[in-house]
Amino acid sequence: QVQLVESGGGLVQAGGSLRLSCAASGRTFSSYAMGWFRQAPGKEREFVGHIKWNGGSTGYANSVKGRFTISRDNAKNTVYLQMNNLKPDDTAVYFCASPREPLRWGPYDYWGQGTQVTVSS
């Protein structure tokens, strides 16, 4: 059974940083892309970024490009989202996700429970 568990959320002032983690279990982590998404109150869930199964490629939404960085440690079955220069608009519940199929960018079928990030002005 695939499980994704996020951690690292919290309250931070604008301009600050947070690092989210997503620990995966239940299958061979290094064969699967990982994505980060977020959902703010009253808004639809939106793509934040993703990383290739071998960590060789990443992609980001324009709204976070240059501020957020995704990395992964396949030895620890964990993907990270480093968030710098946070803005109040980054306030949301952040989810990690992964496709059902190996060596594919999507669609994302498995989701974590989410972790709250709140950025105060």
C-alpha atoms as a PDB file:
ATOM      1  CA  GLN A   1       0.000   0.000   0.000  1.00  0.00           C
ATOM      2  CA  VAL A   2       1.440   3.336  -1.055  1.00  0.00           C
ATOM      3  CA  GLN A   3       1.625   5.936   1.688  1.00  0.00           C
ATOM      4  CA  LEU A   4       2.764   9.534   1.489  1.00  0.00           C
ATOM      5  CA  VAL A   5       3.214  11.519   4.674  1.00  0.00           C
ATOM      6  CA  GLU A   6       4.023  15.224   4.637  1.00  0.00           C
ATOM      7  CA  SER A   7       5.620  17.142   7.467  1.00  0.00           C
ATOM      8  CA  GLY A   8       7.312  20.454   8.138  1.00  0.00           C
ATOM      9  CA  GLY A   9       4.464  22.889   7.770  1.00  0.00           C
ATOM     10  CA  GLY A  10       3.884  25.743  10.167  1.00  0.00           C
ATOM     11  CA  LEU A  11       3.554  29.468  10.665  1.00  0.00           C
ATOM     12  CA  VAL A  12       6.233  31.745   9.256  1.00  0.00           C
ATOM     13  CA  GLN A  13       6.555  35.450   8.610  1.00  0.00           C
ATOM     14  CA  ALA A  14       6.696  36.826   5.099  1.00  0.00           C
ATOM     15  CA  GLY A  15      10.213  36.562   3.741  1.00  0.00           C
ATOM     16  CA  GLY A  16      10.940  33.490   5.812  1.00  0.00           C
ATOM     17  CA  SER A  17      11.645  29.913   4.816  1.00  0.00           C
ATOM     18  CA  LEU A  18      10.268  26.451   5.453  1.00  0.00           C
ATOM     19  CA  ARG A  19      11.231  23.006   4.271  1.00  0.00           C
ATOM     20  CA  LEU A  20       8.520  20.434   3.756  1.00  0.00           C
ATOM     21  CA  SER A  21       9.215  16.727   3.646  1.00  0.00           C
ATOM     22  CA  CYS A  22       7.207  13.883   2.186  1.00  0.00           C
ATOM     23  CA  ALA A  23       8.086  10.371   3.255  1.00  0.00           C
ATOM     24  CA  ALA A  24       6.947   7.614   0.911  1.00  0.00           C
ATOM     25  CA  SER A  25       6.477   3.921   1.539  1.00  0.00           C
ATOM     26  CA  GLY A  26       4.955   0.879  -0.081  1.00  0.00           C
ATOM     27  CA  ARG A  27       6.897   0.686  -3.326  1.00  0.00           C
ATOM     28  CA  THR A  28      10.241   1.432  -4.985  1.00  0.00           C
ATOM     29  CA  PHE A  29      10.475   5.177  -4.441  1.00  0.00           C
ATOM     30  CA  SER A  30      13.220   5.760  -6.975  1.00  0.00           C
ATOM     31  CA  SER A  31      10.986   4.645  -9.858  1.00  0.00           C
ATOM     32  CA  TYR A  32       8.353   7.331  -9.398  1.00  0.00           C
ATOM     33  CA  ALA A  33       8.079  11.034 -10.064  1.00  0.00           C
ATOM     34  CA  MET A  34       6.933  13.146  -7.161  1.00  0.00           C
ATOM     35  CA  GLY A  35       4.892  16.297  -7.209  1.00  0.00           C
ATOM     36  CA  TRP A  36       3.943  19.057  -4.813  1.00  0.00           C
ATOM     37  CA  PHE A  37       0.561  20.756  -4.924  1.00  0.00           C
ATOM     38  CA  ARG A  38      -1.203  23.262  -2.718  1.00  0.00           C
ATOM     39  CA  GLN A  39      -4.718  24.357  -1.966  1.00  0.00           C
ATOM     40  CA  ALA A  40      -5.614  27.673  -0.407  1.00  0.00           C
ATOM     41  CA  PRO A  41      -8.978  28.270   1.293  1.00  0.00           C
ATOM     42  CA  GLY A  42     -11.705  28.740  -1.278  1.00  0.00           C
ATOM     43  CA  LYS A  43      -9.408  27.939  -4.182  1.00  0.00           C
ATOM     44  CA  GLU A  44      -8.748  24.918  -6.330  1.00  0.00           C
ATOM     45  CA  ARG A  45      -5.722  22.757  -5.792  1.00  0.00           C
ATOM     46  CA  GLU A  46      -2.798  23.951  -7.885  1.00  0.00           C
ATOM     47  CA  PHE A  47       0.458  22.487  -9.100  1.00  0.00           C
ATOM     48  CA  VAL A  48       3.587  23.734  -7.333  1.00  0.00           C
ATOM     49  CA  GLY A  49       6.323  21.624  -8.870  1.00  0.00           C
ATOM     50  CA  HIS A  50       7.591  18.136  -9.594  1.00  0.00           C
ATOM     51  CA  ILE A  51      10.751  16.108  -9.753  1.00  0.00           C
ATOM     52  CA  LYS A  52      11.756  13.210 -11.950  1.00  0.00           C
ATOM     53  CA  TRP A  53      12.166   9.736 -10.439  1.00  0.00           C
ATOM     54  CA  ASN A  54      15.958   9.997 -10.575  1.00  0.00           C
ATOM     55  CA  GLY A  55      16.027  13.637  -9.478  1.00  0.00           C
ATOM     56  CA  GLY A  56      17.464  14.647 -12.834  1.00  0.00           C
ATOM     57  CA  SER A  57      14.768  17.149 -13.740  1.00  0.00           C
ATOM     58  CA  THR A  58      12.410  19.497 -11.970  1.00  0.00           C
ATOM     59  CA  GLY A  59       9.636  21.833 -12.999  1.00  0.00           C
ATOM     60  CA  TYR A  60       7.826  24.623 -11.181  1.00  0.00           C
ATOM     61  CA  ALA A  61       4.779  26.801 -11.393  1.00  0.00           C
ATOM     62  CA  ASN A  62       5.599  30.359 -12.392  1.00  0.00           C
ATOM     63  CA  SER A  63       4.303  31.620  -9.049  1.00  0.00           C
ATOM     64  CA  VAL A  64       7.053  29.805  -7.130  1.00  0.00           C
ATOM     65  CA  LYS A  65       9.885  29.651  -9.651  1.00  0.00           C
ATOM     66  CA  GLY A  66      13.091  31.016  -8.186  1.00  0.00           C
ATOM     67  CA  ARG A  67      11.783  30.750  -4.608  1.00  0.00           C
ATOM     68  CA  PHE A  68      10.935  27.056  -4.195  1.00  0.00           C
ATOM     69  CA  THR A  69      13.210  24.090  -4.815  1.00  0.00           C
ATOM     70  CA  ILE A  70      12.259  20.428  -4.962  1.00  0.00           C
ATOM     71  CA  SER A  71      14.785  17.733  -4.204  1.00  0.00           C
ATOM     72  CA  ARG A  72      14.682  14.076  -3.303  1.00  0.00           C
ATOM     73  CA  ASP A  73      16.740  11.531  -1.429  1.00  0.00           C
ATOM     74  CA  ASN A  74      15.978   8.140  -2.895  1.00  0.00           C
ATOM     75  CA  ALA A  75      17.969   6.416  -0.173  1.00  0.00           C
ATOM     76  CA  LYS A  76      15.566   7.898   2.398  1.00  0.00           C
ATOM     77  CA  ASN A  77      12.400   7.584   0.268  1.00  0.00           C
ATOM     78  CA  THR A  78      11.780  11.267   0.847  1.00  0.00           C
ATOM     79  CA  VAL A  79      11.066  14.289  -1.302  1.00  0.00           C
ATOM     80  CA  TYR A  80      11.553  17.845  -0.083  1.00  0.00           C
ATOM     81  CA  LEU A  81      10.125  21.239  -0.882  1.00  0.00           C
ATOM     82  CA  GLN A  82      12.387  24.078   0.172  1.00  0.00           C
ATOM     83  CA  MET A  83      10.410  27.306   0.262  1.00  0.00           C
ATOM     84  CA  ASN A  84      12.257  30.603   0.507  1.00  0.00           C
ATOM     85  CA  ASN A  85      11.096  34.208   0.478  1.00  0.00           C
ATOM     86  CA  LEU A  86       7.610  33.114   1.441  1.00  0.00           C
ATOM     87  CA  LYS A  87       4.674  35.386   0.752  1.00  0.00           C
ATOM     88  CA  PRO A  88       1.200  35.533   2.323  1.00  0.00           C
ATOM     89  CA  ASP A  89      -0.177  34.205  -0.991  1.00  0.00           C
ATOM     90  CA  ASP A  90       1.770  30.988  -0.360  1.00  0.00           C
ATOM     91  CA  THR A  91      -0.551  30.199   2.540  1.00  0.00           C
ATOM     92  CA  ALA A  92      -2.174  26.853   1.768  1.00  0.00           C
ATOM     93  CA  VAL A  93      -2.292  23.194   2.581  1.00  0.00           C
ATOM     94  CA  TYR A  94       0.588  21.539   0.758  1.00  0.00           C
ATOM     95  CA  PHE A  95       0.308  18.011  -0.605  1.00  0.00           C
ATOM     96  CA  CYS A  96       2.801  15.642  -2.102  1.00  0.00           C
ATOM     97  CA  ALA A  97       1.638  13.224  -4.756  1.00  0.00           C
ATOM     98  CA  SER A  98       2.905  10.485  -7.006  1.00  0.00           C
ATOM     99  CA  PRO A  99       1.744   8.700 -10.143  1.00  0.00           C
ATOM    100  CA  ARG A 100       0.513   5.142 -10.142  1.00  0.00           C
ATOM    101  CA  GLU A 101       2.834   4.190 -12.992  1.00  0.00           C
ATOM    102  CA  PRO A 102       6.633   4.158 -12.715  1.00  0.00           C
ATOM    103  CA  LEU A 103       8.806   6.335 -14.929  1.00  0.00           C
ATOM    104  CA  ARG A 104       5.884   8.651 -15.727  1.00  0.00           C
ATOM    105  CA  TRP A 105       5.245  12.298 -14.895  1.00  0.00           C
ATOM    106  CA  GLY A 106       1.591  11.675 -14.180  1.00  0.00           C
ATOM    107  CA  PRO A 107      -1.310  11.505 -13.642  1.00  0.00           C
ATOM    108  CA  TYR A 108      -1.040  11.765  -9.891  1.00  0.00           C
ATOM    109  CA  ASP A 109      -2.996   8.986  -8.213  1.00  0.00           C
ATOM    110  CA  TYR A 110      -1.530   8.840  -4.725  1.00  0.00           C
ATOM    111  CA  TRP A 111      -1.757  11.763  -2.318  1.00  0.00           C
ATOM    112  CA  GLY A 112      -0.596  12.595   1.151  1.00  0.00           C
ATOM    113  CA  GLN A 113      -2.821  14.079   3.815  1.00  0.00           C
ATOM    114  CA  GLY A 114      -1.317  17.544   3.499  1.00  0.00           C
ATOM    115  CA  THR A 115       0.514  19.943   5.780  1.00  0.00           C
ATOM    116  CA  GLN A 116      -0.571  23.496   6.548  1.00  0.00           C
ATOM    117  CA  VAL A 117       1.692  26.411   5.676  1.00  0.00           C
ATOM    118  CA  THR A 118       0.662  29.831   6.933  1.00  0.00           C
ATOM    119  CA  VAL A 119       2.608  32.943   5.997  1.00  0.00           C
ATOM    120  CA  SER A 120       1.877  36.072   8.000  1.00  0.00           C
ATOM    121  CA  SER A 121       2.404  39.556   6.623  1.00  0.00           C
END
